[in-house]
Amino acid sequence: MNREQQDFRQRPAQRTRGTEPGSRDIRNPREARSRDIRGPQDPRRKSPRQEPSDRMRQGRGERRPAGRRKRRRRNAVKGMLLSSALLIVLIALGVAGFLYYRQKGESKIQYAALYETRHYNQSQFQGELFAQDLCVTAGDVALDGFEGDPTLHAAGLFDVNQKQVLYADRMFDELYPASTTKLMTAYLTLKHGNLEDMVTVSETAVSFVDPEASLCGLQVGDQLTLYDLLCGLILHSGNDNAAVIAEYIGGSQEGFVDMMNQEALSMGASKTHFLNPHGLHEDGHYTTAYDLYLMFNACIQDQRFLDIIAMKSYNATVTGIDGSTRSEVWHASNYYSSGLAEPPSGVQVLGGKTGTTDQAGSCVILYHLDSTGRPLISVVMGASDKELLYNDTTRLVTAGSGS
């Protein structure tokens, strides 16, 4: 092998790329022939006729941007048409809704006008006013022939039938009520209790240590009817009776006190707040002379209450824890019923409720009938002693019965 043959074998790339003068490019022989035949091209000379494949490639390249623009225009037109159609539909729905509700509103107006035409001046509802059966006043009221006692805490006289306040002195002042508290205890007993029920006395109901406590002498384990307890509560003002009733009706004394306060509000006694069912003194336990009138007026609507306050005394039968029975006599605590005070001339005192503590003074609220049978309610609070209490009550009721 000569040197040229070796050199040819060692340099195949030079041989195949056709870079030597006169060599051919075996990768594209057609292009090489074309260059050999045509020779170098003059750049100023127009290109010869292109091959069909070249024209197709250039044609596709030229048509591609134009097609995109057409499609974009078509999509934009479609979007505008769709938006316009949607807007037209929304406007149509809005107009239809407006016309519908306008027609509906006009029909309601026409119906209201027709209803008023047919029912004008006709009574559609009849109800009772809250205070239409109550004596009402906004302040003090003077009574001819009666001079008030400035030493009292408050006083009032009410005409039950005429719904008239005949006399009022500081009736809305908050005062300690003492045992007149038991009016609410009695009212709830009549409202929620079965007076024939047999009730057992608990230890907590009779654990009083206050020396002022007025008691009916009940003992732990005693059994007696709810009616017996109510009579001792109203007539003899038994604090132990009040506690036993509270536990029986309210489940506990605290639960019963909640009932008392709720009932006071429902009566309109908005300046009353109770802390116990009997009235022994506590600083947050208060009422007014007018609120006491509201409670008493509610009580006298029940004939059973009127029957009890008219008693001079009551004889209760009590069964002890050992099964033995005993009799307890409870006398009325107001001085008119017990004969310790002379009643007003020509006036029948049916009865009522008393209350006394050091802080409250002596208090009494009573139900009377004057010489014509007219019912009156009197309330006197804060007298310094029992003599003054009944003297002022007599003077007040005497003046009121002649008015």
Protein backbone atom coordinates (compact mmCIF):
# COMPACT_ATOMS: atom_id res chain seq x y z
CA MET A 1 0.00 0.00 0.00
CA ASN A 2 1.46 3.28 -1.07
CA ARG A 3 1.46 6.51 0.96
CA GLU A 4 -1.50 8.03 -0.77
CA GLN A 5 -3.66 5.04 0.05
CA GLN A 6 -2.64 5.23 3.73
CA ASP A 7 -3.35 8.92 3.82
CA PHE A 8 -6.77 8.33 2.32
CA ARG A 9 -7.66 5.79 4.96
CA GLN A 10 -6.48 8.01 7.82
CA ARG A 11 -8.50 11.04 6.69
CA PRO A 12 -11.99 9.79 5.86
CA ALA A 13 -13.64 13.01 7.05
CA GLN A 14 -11.77 15.13 4.57
CA ARG A 15 -12.64 12.69 1.87
CA THR A 16 -16.35 12.55 2.68
CA ARG A 17 -16.92 16.25 3.35
CA GLY A 18 -15.71 17.13 -0.12
CA THR A 19 -13.60 20.04 0.99
CA GLU A 20 -10.79 19.30 -1.46
CA PRO A 21 -10.88 21.03 -4.77
CA GLY A 22 -12.87 19.12 -7.30
CA SER A 23 -14.33 16.75 -4.68
CA ARG A 24 -18.06 16.06 -4.40
CA ASP A 25 -20.33 16.24 -1.33
CA ILE A 26 -21.68 12.73 -1.16
CA ARG A 27 -24.24 13.81 1.43
CA ASN A 28 -26.04 16.04 -1.10
CA PRO A 29 -24.84 15.11 -4.58
CA ARG A 30 -27.75 16.95 -6.25
CA GLU A 31 -26.76 20.24 -4.69
CA ALA A 32 -23.15 19.66 -5.60
CA ARG A 33 -24.08 19.01 -9.24
CA SER A 34 -26.16 22.13 -9.26
CA ARG A 35 -23.26 24.21 -8.07
CA ASP A 36 -20.91 22.60 -10.59
CA ILE A 37 -23.30 23.31 -13.46
CA ARG A 38 -24.51 26.80 -12.52
CA GLY A 39 -21.32 28.07 -10.99
CA PRO A 40 -21.30 30.94 -8.46
CA GLN A 41 -24.57 32.94 -8.17
CA ASP A 42 -24.80 36.63 -8.71
CA PRO A 43 -26.57 38.12 -5.73
CA ARG A 44 -28.20 40.81 -7.92
CA ARG A 45 -29.65 38.21 -10.19
CA LYS A 46 -33.16 36.91 -9.57
CA SER A 47 -33.37 33.40 -8.27
CA PRO A 48 -34.24 30.80 -10.79
CA ARG A 49 -37.59 29.02 -10.65
CA GLN A 50 -38.05 27.35 -7.34
CA GLU A 51 -38.77 23.77 -6.78
CA PRO A 52 -42.40 22.87 -5.99
CA SER A 53 -41.42 21.67 -2.54
CA ASP A 54 -39.79 25.03 -1.78
CA ARG A 55 -42.87 26.92 -2.93
CA MET A 56 -45.12 24.77 -0.77
CA ARG A 57 -42.96 25.41 2.27
CA GLN A 58 -42.93 29.15 1.66
CA GLY A 59 -46.68 29.15 0.96
CA ARG A 60 -47.42 27.41 4.19
CA GLY A 61 -45.22 29.86 6.03
CA GLU A 62 -46.99 32.82 4.50
CA ARG A 63 -50.56 31.49 5.05
CA ARG A 64 -50.09 30.47 8.72
CA PRO A 65 -50.19 34.01 10.30
CA ALA A 66 -53.20 35.05 8.21
CA GLY A 67 -55.19 31.98 9.33
CA ARG A 68 -54.58 32.75 12.96
CA ARG A 69 -55.82 36.31 12.55
CA LYS A 70 -59.01 35.11 10.86
CA ARG A 71 -59.70 32.60 13.63
CA ARG A 72 -59.13 35.27 16.25
CA ARG A 73 -61.55 37.61 14.51
CA ARG A 74 -64.15 34.88 14.25
CA ASN A 75 -63.77 34.03 17.99
CA ALA A 76 -64.01 37.72 18.94
CA VAL A 77 -67.19 38.11 16.90
CA LYS A 78 -68.67 34.99 18.49
CA GLY A 79 -67.81 36.32 22.00
CA MET A 80 -69.40 39.68 21.26
CA LEU A 81 -72.54 38.01 19.94
CA LEU A 82 -72.75 35.73 23.01
CA SER A 83 -72.24 38.65 25.43
CA SER A 84 -74.86 40.69 23.61
CA ALA A 85 -77.32 37.82 23.74
CA LEU A 86 -76.69 37.31 27.48
CA LEU A 87 -77.12 41.01 28.15
CA ILE A 88 -80.40 41.06 26.24
CA VAL A 89 -81.65 38.06 28.25
CA LEU A 90 -80.71 39.73 31.57
CA ILE A 91 -82.41 42.98 30.57
CA ALA A 92 -85.52 41.06 29.56
CA LEU A 93 -85.59 39.19 32.87
CA GLY A 94 -85.12 42.44 34.82
CA VAL A 95 -87.96 44.14 32.96
CA ALA A 96 -90.20 41.11 33.47
CA GLY A 97 -89.42 41.01 37.21
CA PHE A 98 -90.05 44.72 37.59
CA LEU A 99 -93.41 44.46 35.82
CA TYR A 100 -94.35 41.41 37.90
CA TYR A 101 -93.62 42.97 41.29
CA ARG A 102 -95.16 46.24 40.23
CA GLN A 103 -98.37 44.46 39.30
CA LYS A 104 -98.25 42.48 42.54
CA GLY A 105 -97.76 45.65 44.59
CA GLU A 106 -100.66 47.32 42.83
CA SER A 107 -102.85 44.30 43.58
CA LYS A 108 -101.92 44.52 47.28
CA ILE A 109 -102.78 48.20 47.34
CA GLN A 110 -106.09 47.48 45.65
CA TYR A 111 -106.80 44.67 48.14
CA ALA A 112 -105.98 46.93 51.11
CA ALA A 113 -108.21 49.65 49.76
CA LEU A 114 -111.01 47.14 49.21
CA TYR A 115 -110.55 45.71 52.73
CA GLU A 116 -110.68 49.17 54.30
CA THR A 117 -113.81 49.97 52.30
CA ARG A 118 -115.59 46.83 53.49
CA HIS A 119 -114.40 46.86 57.12
CA TYR A 120 -114.13 50.56 57.90
CA ASN A 121 -115.43 51.40 61.40
CA GLN A 122 -115.77 47.72 62.29
CA SER A 123 -114.21 46.35 65.49
CA GLN A 124 -111.32 44.05 64.61
CA PHE A 125 -109.92 43.40 68.11
CA GLN A 126 -111.09 43.92 71.64
CA GLY A 127 -108.72 43.59 74.57
CA GLU A 128 -108.38 44.71 78.13
CA LEU A 129 -106.04 47.43 79.26
CA PHE A 130 -103.58 46.33 81.93
CA ALA A 131 -104.77 48.83 84.56
CA GLN A 132 -108.41 49.15 83.62
CA ASP A 133 -109.49 47.34 86.81
CA LEU A 134 -106.95 49.05 89.05
CA CYS A 135 -106.82 52.25 91.03
CA VAL A 136 -104.12 54.41 89.46
CA THR A 137 -102.44 57.66 90.39
CA ALA A 138 -99.22 59.38 89.45
CA GLY A 139 -98.52 60.91 92.88
CA ASP A 140 -99.95 62.03 96.20
CA VAL A 141 -103.70 62.52 96.53
CA ALA A 142 -105.34 64.59 99.29
CA LEU A 143 -108.55 63.52 101.04
CA ASP A 144 -111.07 66.01 102.41
CA GLY A 145 -111.44 65.74 106.17
CA PHE A 146 -108.20 63.83 106.67
CA GLU A 147 -104.87 65.26 107.73
CA GLY A 148 -101.95 63.01 106.98
CA ASP A 149 -99.51 61.81 109.60
CA PRO A 150 -95.94 62.81 108.65
CA THR A 151 -94.51 60.21 111.04
CA LEU A 152 -95.82 57.37 108.85
CA HIS A 153 -93.77 55.89 106.03
CA ALA A 154 -96.69 55.77 103.60
CA ALA A 155 -100.48 55.49 103.46
CA GLY A 156 -103.24 55.01 100.90
CA LEU A 157 -106.99 54.44 100.51
CA PHE A 158 -108.58 52.86 97.43
CA ASP A 159 -112.17 52.61 96.16
CA VAL A 160 -112.30 49.10 94.71
CA ASN A 161 -115.50 49.49 92.66
CA GLN A 162 -114.87 52.97 91.29
CA LYS A 163 -111.18 52.21 90.61
CA GLN A 164 -110.24 55.44 92.34
CA VAL A 165 -107.37 56.44 94.62
CA LEU A 166 -109.04 58.35 97.45
CA TYR A 167 -105.86 59.13 99.34
CA ALA A 168 -102.16 58.70 98.59
CA ASP A 169 -99.11 59.68 100.62
CA ARG A 170 -95.65 58.54 99.45
CA MET A 171 -97.17 55.43 97.94
CA PHE A 172 -94.27 54.82 95.58
CA ASP A 173 -91.46 55.03 98.15
CA GLU A 174 -89.52 51.78 98.55
CA LEU A 175 -90.10 50.46 102.07
CA TYR A 176 -89.52 47.33 104.12
CA PRO A 177 -92.76 45.32 104.09
CA ALA A 178 -92.29 43.03 107.12
CA SER A 179 -94.95 40.29 107.17
CA THR A 180 -97.18 41.98 104.59
CA THR A 181 -94.79 40.00 102.33
CA LYS A 182 -97.02 37.01 103.07
CA LEU A 183 -99.69 38.44 100.75
CA MET A 184 -97.63 37.24 97.81
CA THR A 185 -96.98 33.91 99.52
CA ALA A 186 -100.73 33.48 100.00
CA TYR A 187 -101.49 34.50 96.42
CA LEU A 188 -99.09 31.91 94.95
CA THR A 189 -100.46 29.24 97.30
CA LEU A 190 -103.98 29.86 96.04
CA LYS A 191 -102.79 30.01 92.44
CA HIS A 192 -100.55 26.93 92.32
CA GLY A 193 -101.42 24.75 95.29
CA ASN A 194 -104.03 22.10 96.04
CA LEU A 195 -105.30 23.12 99.50
CA GLU A 196 -106.25 19.53 100.33
CA ASP A 197 -102.66 18.27 99.96
CA MET A 198 -100.98 16.91 103.07
CA VAL A 199 -97.62 18.60 103.71
CA THR A 200 -94.73 17.45 105.92
CA VAL A 201 -92.67 20.03 107.82
CA SER A 202 -88.93 19.92 107.14
CA GLU A 203 -86.11 20.87 109.48
CA THR A 204 -85.05 23.88 107.37
CA ALA A 205 -88.59 25.27 107.45
CA VAL A 206 -88.65 25.64 111.22
CA SER A 207 -85.04 26.65 111.95
CA PHE A 208 -85.73 30.28 112.85
CA VAL A 209 -83.43 32.03 115.29
CA ASP A 210 -84.76 35.59 114.83
CA PRO A 211 -86.46 36.69 118.06
CA GLU A 212 -88.91 38.78 116.00
CA ALA A 213 -90.14 35.71 114.10
CA SER A 214 -93.87 35.16 114.48
CA LEU A 215 -94.43 31.40 114.60
CA CYS A 216 -97.32 28.95 114.55
CA GLY A 217 -95.40 26.35 116.56
CA LEU A 218 -94.78 23.78 113.81
CA GLN A 219 -92.22 21.03 114.49
CA VAL A 220 -90.04 18.85 112.29
CA GLY A 221 -92.05 15.94 110.86
CA ASP A 222 -95.45 17.53 111.52
CA GLN A 223 -98.09 16.86 108.90
CA LEU A 224 -101.03 19.15 108.09
CA THR A 225 -102.95 20.26 105.04
CA LEU A 226 -101.92 23.10 102.78
CA TYR A 227 -105.16 24.83 103.75
CA ASP A 228 -104.16 24.65 107.43
CA LEU A 229 -100.81 26.21 106.55
CA LEU A 230 -102.49 28.97 104.54
CA CYS A 231 -104.84 29.90 107.39
CA GLY A 232 -101.96 30.10 109.89
CA LEU A 233 -99.99 32.16 107.35
CA ILE A 234 -102.70 34.78 106.81
CA LEU A 235 -104.32 34.98 110.24
CA HIS A 236 -101.47 34.38 112.66
CA SER A 237 -98.66 35.45 110.29
CA GLY A 238 -96.63 32.28 110.91
CA ASN A 239 -93.15 32.52 109.45
CA ASP A 240 -92.76 28.78 109.81
CA ASN A 241 -95.94 28.30 107.76
CA ALA A 242 -94.50 30.57 105.06
CA ALA A 243 -91.29 28.52 104.87
CA VAL A 244 -93.15 25.19 104.70
CA ILE A 245 -95.42 26.51 101.93
CA ALA A 246 -92.45 27.90 99.99
CA GLU A 247 -90.63 24.57 100.02
CA TYR A 248 -93.77 22.68 99.02
CA ILE A 249 -94.90 24.97 96.19
CA GLY A 250 -91.51 26.14 94.91
CA GLY A 251 -89.35 23.09 95.66
CA SER A 252 -87.17 25.26 97.86
CA GLN A 253 -87.45 28.63 99.55
CA GLU A 254 -85.12 30.13 96.94
CA GLY A 255 -87.17 28.72 94.08
CA PHE A 256 -90.35 30.09 95.64
CA VAL A 257 -88.80 33.54 96.02
CA ASP A 258 -88.08 33.54 92.28
CA MET A 259 -91.76 32.80 91.69
CA MET A 260 -92.70 35.68 94.00
CA ASN A 261 -90.60 38.18 92.09
CA GLN A 262 -91.85 37.01 88.72
CA GLU A 263 -95.46 37.26 89.89
CA ALA A 264 -94.86 40.72 91.31
CA LEU A 265 -93.67 41.93 87.91
CA SER A 266 -96.66 40.37 86.16
CA MET A 267 -98.96 42.27 88.56
CA GLY A 268 -97.21 45.55 87.80
CA ALA A 269 -95.48 45.68 91.19
CA SER A 270 -92.26 46.84 89.54
CA LYS A 271 -90.76 48.43 92.67
CA THR A 272 -90.90 45.22 94.70
CA HIS A 273 -88.09 42.77 95.35
CA PHE A 274 -88.38 39.77 97.65
CA LEU A 275 -85.61 37.78 99.27
CA ASN A 276 -87.70 35.46 101.46
CA PRO A 277 -91.32 34.22 101.70
CA HIS A 278 -92.09 35.58 105.19
CA GLY A 279 -90.79 39.16 105.43
CA LEU A 280 -88.10 38.98 108.10
CA HIS A 281 -85.79 41.92 107.52
CA GLU A 282 -83.18 41.83 104.76
CA ASP A 283 -81.73 44.94 103.18
CA GLY A 284 -82.66 43.99 99.62
CA HIS A 285 -86.20 42.98 100.56
CA TYR A 286 -88.59 45.87 99.82
CA THR A 287 -91.87 47.00 98.28
CA THR A 288 -94.14 50.08 98.17
CA ALA A 289 -97.55 50.90 99.57
CA TYR A 290 -98.96 50.89 96.03
CA ASP A 291 -97.39 47.50 95.21
CA LEU A 292 -98.95 46.10 98.37
CA TYR A 293 -102.31 47.35 97.13
CA LEU A 294 -101.72 45.50 93.84
CA MET A 295 -100.97 42.24 95.67
CA PHE A 296 -103.90 42.59 98.05
CA ASN A 297 -106.25 43.48 95.20
CA ALA A 298 -105.17 40.31 93.38
CA CYS A 299 -105.79 38.22 96.51
CA ILE A 300 -109.34 39.46 97.11
CA GLN A 301 -110.37 38.24 93.67
CA ASP A 302 -110.30 34.74 95.20
CA GLN A 303 -113.24 34.06 97.51
CA ARG A 304 -111.14 31.60 99.54
CA PHE A 305 -108.87 34.46 100.56
CA LEU A 306 -111.84 36.59 101.62
CA ASP A 307 -113.21 33.70 103.65
CA ILE A 308 -109.91 33.25 105.51
CA ILE A 309 -109.30 36.93 106.36
CA ALA A 310 -112.83 37.17 107.74
CA MET A 311 -112.02 34.54 110.42
CA LYS A 312 -111.29 35.60 113.99
CA SER A 313 -109.24 32.44 114.53
CA TYR A 314 -108.56 29.04 113.02
CA ASN A 315 -108.22 25.64 114.68
CA ALA A 316 -105.71 23.38 112.89
CA THR A 317 -105.24 19.65 113.41
CA VAL A 318 -101.58 18.64 113.26
CA THR A 319 -100.17 15.10 113.16
CA GLY A 320 -96.77 14.81 114.85
CA ILE A 321 -93.80 12.76 113.71
CA ASP A 322 -94.76 10.07 116.24
CA GLY A 323 -98.27 9.80 114.77
CA SER A 324 -100.03 11.66 117.57
CA THR A 325 -102.41 14.50 116.76
CA ARG A 326 -102.74 17.88 118.41
CA SER A 327 -104.83 20.98 117.92
CA GLU A 328 -103.31 24.39 117.21
CA VAL A 329 -105.42 27.55 117.50
CA TRP A 330 -104.23 30.51 115.48
CA HIS A 331 -105.83 33.91 116.13
CA ALA A 332 -106.06 36.80 113.71
CA SER A 333 -103.23 39.26 114.21
CA ASN A 334 -105.01 42.49 113.23
CA TYR A 335 -106.38 44.41 116.18
CA TYR A 336 -109.83 44.97 114.68
CA SER A 337 -110.47 41.24 114.31
CA SER A 338 -109.04 40.42 117.73
CA GLY A 339 -111.05 43.19 119.44
CA LEU A 340 -107.98 45.16 120.53
CA ALA A 341 -108.97 48.20 118.42
CA GLU A 342 -112.36 49.82 117.81
CA PRO A 343 -113.33 49.68 114.15
CA PRO A 344 -114.35 52.86 112.31
CA SER A 345 -117.95 53.92 112.87
CA GLY A 346 -120.31 52.51 110.28
CA VAL A 347 -117.52 50.51 108.63
CA GLN A 348 -117.15 46.75 108.58
CA VAL A 349 -113.54 45.55 108.69
CA LEU A 350 -113.42 42.20 106.91
CA GLY A 351 -109.76 41.52 107.59
CA GLY A 352 -106.32 41.87 106.09
CA LYS A 353 -102.63 41.38 106.76
CA THR A 354 -100.29 42.85 109.33
CA GLY A 355 -96.52 43.17 109.52
CA THR A 356 -94.05 44.49 112.05
CA THR A 357 -90.27 44.71 112.30
CA ASP A 358 -87.95 47.31 113.80
CA GLN A 359 -86.98 48.57 110.34
CA ALA A 360 -90.46 48.47 108.77
CA GLY A 361 -92.38 49.71 111.81
CA SER A 362 -95.98 48.61 112.21
CA CYS A 363 -97.90 48.00 108.97
CA VAL A 364 -101.40 46.84 108.08
CA ILE A 365 -103.46 46.48 104.89
CA LEU A 366 -107.19 45.88 105.31
CA TYR A 367 -110.41 45.27 103.39
CA HIS A 368 -113.46 47.27 104.52
CA LEU A 369 -117.08 47.80 103.59
CA ASP A 370 -118.46 51.28 104.29
CA SER A 371 -122.04 52.02 105.34
CA THR A 372 -123.24 51.72 101.73
CA GLY A 373 -121.44 48.43 101.17
CA ARG A 374 -118.73 50.05 99.08
CA PRO A 375 -115.47 48.05 99.32
CA LEU A 376 -112.34 49.96 100.35
CA ILE A 377 -108.71 48.93 100.72
CA SER A 378 -106.57 50.81 103.24
CA VAL A 379 -102.82 50.57 103.70
CA VAL A 380 -100.74 52.21 106.44
CA MET A 381 -96.99 51.58 106.73
CA GLY A 382 -94.32 52.58 109.20
CA ALA A 383 -96.27 53.56 112.32
CA SER A 384 -94.15 53.84 115.40
CA ASP A 385 -96.45 51.55 117.40
CA LYS A 386 -99.71 49.56 117.10
CA GLU A 387 -101.84 52.21 118.78
CA LEU A 388 -100.82 54.86 116.25
CA LEU A 389 -101.20 52.36 113.41
CA TYR A 390 -104.87 51.65 114.16
CA ASN A 391 -105.72 55.22 115.11
CA ASP A 392 -104.43 56.47 111.76
CA THR A 393 -106.21 53.65 109.92
CA THR A 394 -109.51 54.48 111.63
CA ARG A 395 -109.20 58.18 110.79
CA LEU A 396 -108.33 57.43 107.17
CA VAL A 397 -111.16 54.95 106.58
CA THR A 398 -113.71 57.18 108.37
CA ALA A 399 -112.80 60.11 106.13
CA GLY A 400 -112.83 57.93 103.03
CA SER A 401 -116.18 56.28 103.72
CA GLY A 402 -117.85 59.70 103.82
CA SER A 403 -116.29 60.88 100.53
